[in-house]
């Protein structure tokens, strides 16, 4: 379960980065939307990091 969870958060992060790069390319001119997405990505990243730390402490 531990390895599976870690792998999931890792893949989730990769997906977030990939989507982020794609949106940056597509919406290069849409600055407001981009900063909004960056904030969302940052929140998701922070949550996944906290989750991994919590799981690591639990096991």
N, C-alpha and C. Protein backbone atom coordinates (compact mmCIF):
# COMPACT_ATOMS: atom_id res chain seq x y z
N UNK A 1 0.85 -1.21 0.00
CA UNK A 1 0.00 0.00 0.00
C UNK A 1 0.88 1.26 0.00
N UNK A 2 1.92 1.23 0.81
CA UNK A 2 2.83 2.37 0.93
C UNK A 2 3.46 2.72 -0.41
N UNK A 3 3.98 1.70 -1.10
CA UNK A 3 4.62 1.92 -2.40
C UNK A 3 3.60 2.41 -3.41
N UNK A 4 2.39 1.83 -3.37
CA UNK A 4 1.32 2.21 -4.30
C UNK A 4 0.93 3.67 -4.11
N UNK A 5 0.80 4.08 -2.86
CA UNK A 5 0.40 5.45 -2.54
C UNK A 5 1.48 6.44 -2.99
N UNK A 6 2.74 6.09 -2.73
CA UNK A 6 3.85 6.94 -3.11
C UNK A 6 3.92 7.07 -4.63
N UNK A 7 3.69 5.94 -5.31
CA UNK A 7 3.72 5.92 -6.77
C UNK A 7 2.59 6.78 -7.33
N UNK A 8 1.43 6.71 -6.70
CA UNK A 8 0.26 7.48 -7.15
C UNK A 8 0.53 8.98 -7.03
N UNK A 9 1.05 9.41 -5.90
CA UNK A 9 1.33 10.83 -5.70
C UNK A 9 2.41 11.29 -6.68
N UNK A 10 3.37 10.39 -6.96
CA UNK A 10 4.44 10.72 -7.91
C UNK A 10 3.88 10.92 -9.31
N UNK A 11 3.01 9.99 -9.73
CA UNK A 11 2.40 10.09 -11.06
C UNK A 11 1.46 11.30 -11.13
N UNK A 12 0.76 11.58 -10.03
CA UNK A 12 -0.13 12.73 -9.98
C UNK A 12 0.66 14.01 -10.20
N UNK A 13 1.82 14.09 -9.55
CA UNK A 13 2.68 15.27 -9.70
C UNK A 13 3.15 15.42 -11.14
N UNK A 14 3.53 14.30 -11.77
CA UNK A 14 3.98 14.32 -13.17
C UNK A 14 2.85 14.82 -14.07
N UNK A 15 1.64 14.33 -13.82
CA UNK A 15 0.47 14.74 -14.61
C UNK A 15 0.22 16.24 -14.44
N UNK A 16 0.30 16.72 -13.20
CA UNK A 16 0.09 18.14 -12.92
C UNK A 16 1.11 19.00 -13.68
N UNK A 17 2.38 18.57 -13.64
CA UNK A 17 3.43 19.30 -14.34
C UNK A 17 3.19 19.29 -15.85
N UNK A 18 2.80 18.12 -16.38
CA UNK A 18 2.55 17.99 -17.82
C UNK A 18 1.40 18.89 -18.25
N UNK A 19 0.31 18.85 -17.50
CA UNK A 19 -0.86 19.68 -17.81
C UNK A 19 -0.50 21.16 -17.70
N UNK A 20 0.30 21.48 -16.68
CA UNK A 20 0.75 22.85 -16.46
C UNK A 20 1.53 23.36 -17.67
N UNK A 21 2.46 22.55 -18.17
CA UNK A 21 3.27 22.93 -19.33
C UNK A 21 2.40 23.12 -20.56
N UNK A 22 1.43 22.20 -20.75
CA UNK A 22 0.54 22.28 -21.90
C UNK A 22 -0.29 23.56 -21.85
N UNK A 23 -0.85 23.85 -20.67
CA UNK A 23 -1.67 25.04 -20.51
C UNK A 23 -0.84 26.31 -20.69
N UNK A 24 0.41 26.26 -20.26
CA UNK A 24 1.30 27.42 -20.43
C UNK A 24 1.51 27.70 -21.91
N UNK A 25 1.68 26.63 -22.69
CA UNK A 25 1.89 26.78 -24.13
C UNK A 25 0.62 27.30 -24.81
N UNK A 26 -0.53 26.72 -24.44
CA UNK A 26 -1.80 27.08 -25.08
C UNK A 26 -2.24 28.49 -24.67
N UNK A 27 -2.16 28.78 -23.38
CA UNK A 27 -2.67 30.06 -22.87
C UNK A 27 -1.55 31.02 -22.52
N UNK A 28 -0.55 31.12 -23.41
CA UNK A 28 0.59 31.99 -23.13
C UNK A 28 0.16 33.44 -22.92
N UNK A 29 -0.89 33.87 -23.65
CA UNK A 29 -1.34 35.25 -23.54
C UNK A 29 -2.31 35.48 -22.39
N UNK A 30 -2.88 34.40 -21.87
CA UNK A 30 -3.88 34.53 -20.81
C UNK A 30 -3.20 34.48 -19.45
N UNK A 31 -2.65 35.60 -19.05
CA UNK A 31 -1.85 35.68 -17.83
C UNK A 31 -2.63 35.36 -16.56
N UNK A 32 -3.85 35.90 -16.47
CA UNK A 32 -4.67 35.71 -15.27
C UNK A 32 -5.01 34.23 -15.08
N UNK A 33 -5.39 33.57 -16.18
CA UNK A 33 -5.72 32.15 -16.10
C UNK A 33 -4.49 31.34 -15.70
N UNK A 34 -3.35 31.72 -16.25
CA UNK A 34 -2.11 30.99 -15.97
C UNK A 34 -1.71 31.09 -14.50
N UNK A 35 -1.78 32.30 -13.95
CA UNK A 35 -1.42 32.47 -12.54
C UNK A 35 -2.39 31.72 -11.65
N UNK A 36 -3.66 31.70 -12.05
CA UNK A 36 -4.67 30.95 -11.30
C UNK A 36 -4.33 29.47 -11.31
N UNK A 37 -3.94 28.95 -12.48
CA UNK A 37 -3.58 27.53 -12.59
C UNK A 37 -2.32 27.23 -11.79
N UNK A 38 -1.36 28.17 -11.79
CA UNK A 38 -0.13 27.99 -11.02
C UNK A 38 -0.45 27.87 -9.53
N UNK A 39 -1.38 28.69 -9.06
CA UNK A 39 -1.79 28.64 -7.66
C UNK A 39 -2.41 27.28 -7.35
N UNK A 40 -3.29 26.81 -8.26
CA UNK A 40 -3.94 25.51 -8.07
C UNK A 40 -2.90 24.40 -8.03
N UNK A 41 -1.95 24.44 -8.95
CA UNK A 41 -0.89 23.44 -9.01
C UNK A 41 -0.05 23.46 -7.74
N UNK A 42 0.22 24.65 -7.24
CA UNK A 42 1.00 24.79 -6.01
C UNK A 42 0.27 24.17 -4.83
N UNK A 43 -1.03 24.42 -4.75
CA UNK A 43 -1.85 23.86 -3.67
C UNK A 43 -1.85 22.33 -3.75
N UNK A 44 -2.05 21.79 -4.98
CA UNK A 44 -2.06 20.34 -5.18
C UNK A 44 -0.71 19.75 -4.79
N UNK A 45 0.37 20.41 -5.21
CA UNK A 45 1.72 19.94 -4.91
C UNK A 45 1.97 19.93 -3.40
N UNK A 46 1.57 21.00 -2.72
CA UNK A 46 1.76 21.11 -1.28
C UNK A 46 0.98 20.03 -0.54
N UNK A 47 -0.27 19.79 -0.99
CA UNK A 47 -1.10 18.77 -0.38
C UNK A 47 -0.49 17.38 -0.55
N UNK A 48 -0.01 17.07 -1.76
CA UNK A 48 0.59 15.76 -2.01
C UNK A 48 1.87 15.58 -1.20
N UNK A 49 2.65 16.67 -1.06
CA UNK A 49 3.87 16.61 -0.26
C UNK A 49 3.52 16.35 1.21
N UNK A 50 2.51 17.04 1.71
CA UNK A 50 2.08 16.86 3.09
C UNK A 50 1.57 15.44 3.31
N UNK A 51 0.83 14.93 2.32
CA UNK A 51 0.30 13.58 2.39
C UNK A 51 1.43 12.56 2.47
N UNK A 52 2.45 12.74 1.63
CA UNK A 52 3.59 11.83 1.62
C UNK A 52 4.36 11.89 2.93
N UNK A 53 4.48 13.08 3.50
CA UNK A 53 5.16 13.24 4.79
C UNK A 53 4.36 12.55 5.90
N UNK A 54 3.05 12.72 5.86
CA UNK A 54 2.18 12.10 6.87
C UNK A 54 2.24 10.58 6.78
N UNK A 55 2.18 10.07 5.54
CA UNK A 55 2.24 8.62 5.33
C UNK A 55 3.61 8.09 5.75
N UNK A 56 4.65 8.84 5.43
CA UNK A 56 6.00 8.43 5.80
C UNK A 56 6.17 8.39 7.31
N UNK A 57 5.54 9.33 8.01
CA UNK A 57 5.63 9.36 9.47
C UNK A 57 4.81 8.24 10.10
N UNK A 58 3.69 7.90 9.43
CA UNK A 58 2.79 6.87 9.96
C UNK A 58 3.41 5.48 9.87
N UNK A 59 4.23 5.24 8.83
CA UNK A 59 4.79 3.90 8.64
C UNK A 59 6.23 3.79 9.14
